[in-house]
Amino acid sequence: MPAAAQKKKVTPSSKPLKKIVIDYSKPANDGVFDGAAFEKFLHDRFKVDGRPGQLGDSVKIVKGGNTIIVTFYVPIAKTYLKYLTKKYLKKNELRDWIRVVAPSKDKYELRFYNVEKEDDEED
């Protein structure tokens, strides 16, 4: 008989493995983006060991000014944070105007799409 696959439980280390900053200053200055609601969304939806909302000592989410700092004490992919950010934008119908950009290895920025106005004159 094959042995049953056991799920590995990840234990948090004492030293942070990764710290990622999400900067939402541009949409927040225009009054389009609500940082407190985004922080609550991350707390509620972030999954650790397959369970959403139970971060414990594995993940710390701190809001400061127009940024949110997410500190990982367990191995979690950076793209998962981007996925959750896009999901929040889609839920609040902001995905058509705001995009998530990674300007550096440990930072995400929310920026507006560049829309250039074209002057189409018909003769």
Protein backbone atom coordinates (compact mmCIF):
# COMPACT_ATOMS: atom_id res chain seq x y z
CA MET A 1 0.00 0.00 0.00
CA PRO A 2 1.26 3.48 -0.78
CA ALA A 3 1.92 5.69 2.19
CA ALA A 4 -0.49 8.57 2.64
CA ALA A 5 0.94 11.93 1.67
CA GLN A 6 1.39 14.11 4.70
CA LYS A 7 1.07 17.85 4.58
CA LYS A 8 4.15 19.67 5.79
CA LYS A 9 3.43 22.29 8.39
CA VAL A 10 5.68 25.30 8.02
CA THR A 11 7.12 26.69 11.24
CA PRO A 12 8.03 30.37 11.37
CA SER A 13 11.66 31.31 11.85
CA SER A 14 12.78 34.02 14.26
CA LYS A 15 14.38 36.06 11.48
CA PRO A 16 12.26 37.46 8.63
CA LEU A 17 12.84 35.71 5.33
CA LYS A 18 11.40 38.45 3.14
CA LYS A 19 10.01 41.97 3.52
CA ILE A 20 7.90 43.42 0.71
CA VAL A 21 6.60 46.99 0.50
CA ILE A 22 3.41 47.87 -1.38
CA ASP A 23 3.34 51.58 -2.26
CA TYR A 24 -0.12 52.90 -3.13
CA SER A 25 0.65 56.63 -2.82
CA LYS A 26 -0.36 57.65 -6.37
CA PRO A 27 -3.93 56.24 -6.28
CA ALA A 28 -4.37 57.29 -2.63
CA ASN A 29 -3.41 60.91 -3.38
CA ASP A 30 -6.15 61.02 -6.02
CA GLY A 31 -8.65 59.65 -3.49
CA VAL A 32 -9.36 56.50 -5.49
CA PHE A 33 -7.70 53.90 -3.23
CA ASP A 34 -8.53 53.09 0.42
CA GLY A 35 -5.44 51.81 2.25
CA ALA A 36 -7.23 50.69 5.40
CA ALA A 37 -9.66 48.53 3.43
CA PHE A 38 -6.75 47.03 1.47
CA GLU A 39 -4.93 46.16 4.70
CA LYS A 40 -8.06 44.48 6.07
CA PHE A 41 -8.46 42.58 2.78
CA LEU A 42 -4.89 41.26 3.07
CA HIS A 43 -5.45 40.20 6.70
CA ASP A 44 -8.66 38.36 5.80
CA ARG A 45 -7.52 36.69 2.58
CA PHE A 46 -3.84 35.86 3.18
CA LYS A 47 -3.46 32.08 3.43
CA VAL A 48 -0.87 30.41 5.64
CA ASP A 49 -0.87 26.59 5.72
CA GLY A 50 -4.01 26.62 3.56
CA ARG A 51 -6.10 28.61 6.06
CA PRO A 52 -7.09 32.21 5.24
CA GLY A 53 -6.96 34.91 7.88
CA GLN A 54 -4.88 32.98 10.41
CA LEU A 55 -1.52 34.68 10.03
CA GLY A 56 -0.17 34.09 13.53
CA ASP A 57 3.57 34.73 13.73
CA SER A 58 4.17 33.66 10.11
CA VAL A 59 3.22 36.92 8.38
CA LYS A 60 3.10 40.51 9.67
CA ILE A 61 1.13 43.19 7.79
CA VAL A 62 1.80 46.78 8.88
CA LYS A 63 0.34 49.95 7.36
CA GLY A 64 2.43 53.11 7.45
CA GLY A 65 1.53 56.27 5.54
CA ASN A 66 0.78 55.32 1.95
CA THR A 67 2.58 51.98 2.15
CA ILE A 68 1.91 48.53 3.49
CA ILE A 69 4.85 46.44 4.66
CA VAL A 70 4.39 42.67 4.58
CA THR A 71 7.03 40.66 6.43
CA PHE A 72 7.26 36.90 5.83
CA TYR A 73 8.71 34.54 8.44
CA VAL A 74 7.87 31.49 6.31
CA PRO A 75 8.66 30.88 2.64
CA ILE A 76 5.86 32.47 0.58
CA ALA A 77 6.10 33.55 -3.05
CA LYS A 78 6.17 37.27 -3.79
CA THR A 79 3.73 36.72 -6.64
CA TYR A 80 1.07 35.62 -4.14
CA LEU A 81 1.05 39.16 -2.77
CA LYS A 82 0.69 40.53 -6.31
CA TYR A 83 -2.19 38.09 -6.91
CA LEU A 84 -4.01 39.30 -3.79
CA THR A 85 -3.45 42.94 -4.76
CA LYS A 86 -4.91 42.33 -8.23
CA LYS A 87 -7.83 40.49 -6.67
CA TYR A 88 -8.55 43.50 -4.42
CA LEU A 89 -8.39 45.88 -7.39
CA LYS A 90 -10.79 43.68 -9.38
CA LYS A 91 -13.21 43.44 -6.44
CA ASN A 92 -13.33 47.23 -6.11
CA GLU A 93 -13.54 47.73 -9.91
CA LEU A 94 -10.19 49.53 -10.06
CA ARG A 95 -8.37 46.97 -12.20
CA ASP A 96 -9.17 48.89 -15.41
CA TRP A 97 -7.28 51.98 -14.20
CA ILE A 98 -4.60 50.77 -11.80
CA ARG A 99 -1.82 48.25 -12.36
CA VAL A 100 0.70 46.55 -10.07
CA VAL A 101 4.36 47.17 -10.96
CA ALA A 102 7.52 45.79 -9.35
CA PRO A 103 10.16 48.58 -9.58
CA SER A 104 12.61 46.59 -7.43
CA LYS A 105 13.06 43.14 -5.98
CA ASP A 106 11.29 43.88 -2.70
CA LYS A 107 8.72 46.50 -3.69
CA TYR A 108 5.41 46.77 -5.52
CA GLU A 109 3.82 50.02 -6.67
CA LEU A 110 0.27 50.72 -7.71
CA ARG A 111 0.26 53.01 -10.74
CA PHE A 112 -2.31 54.35 -13.11
CA TYR A 113 -2.20 53.12 -16.69
CA ASN A 114 -0.62 55.61 -19.08
CA VAL A 115 -3.39 56.86 -21.31
CA GLU A 116 -2.31 59.31 -23.94
CA LYS A 117 -4.91 61.52 -25.50
CA GLU A 118 -4.80 61.47 -29.25
CA ASP A 119 -6.00 64.36 -31.31
CA ASP A 120 -7.82 62.76 -34.17
CA GLU A 121 -8.98 65.46 -36.52
CA GLU A 122 -10.90 64.38 -39.56
CA ASP A 123 -10.79 66.61 -42.63
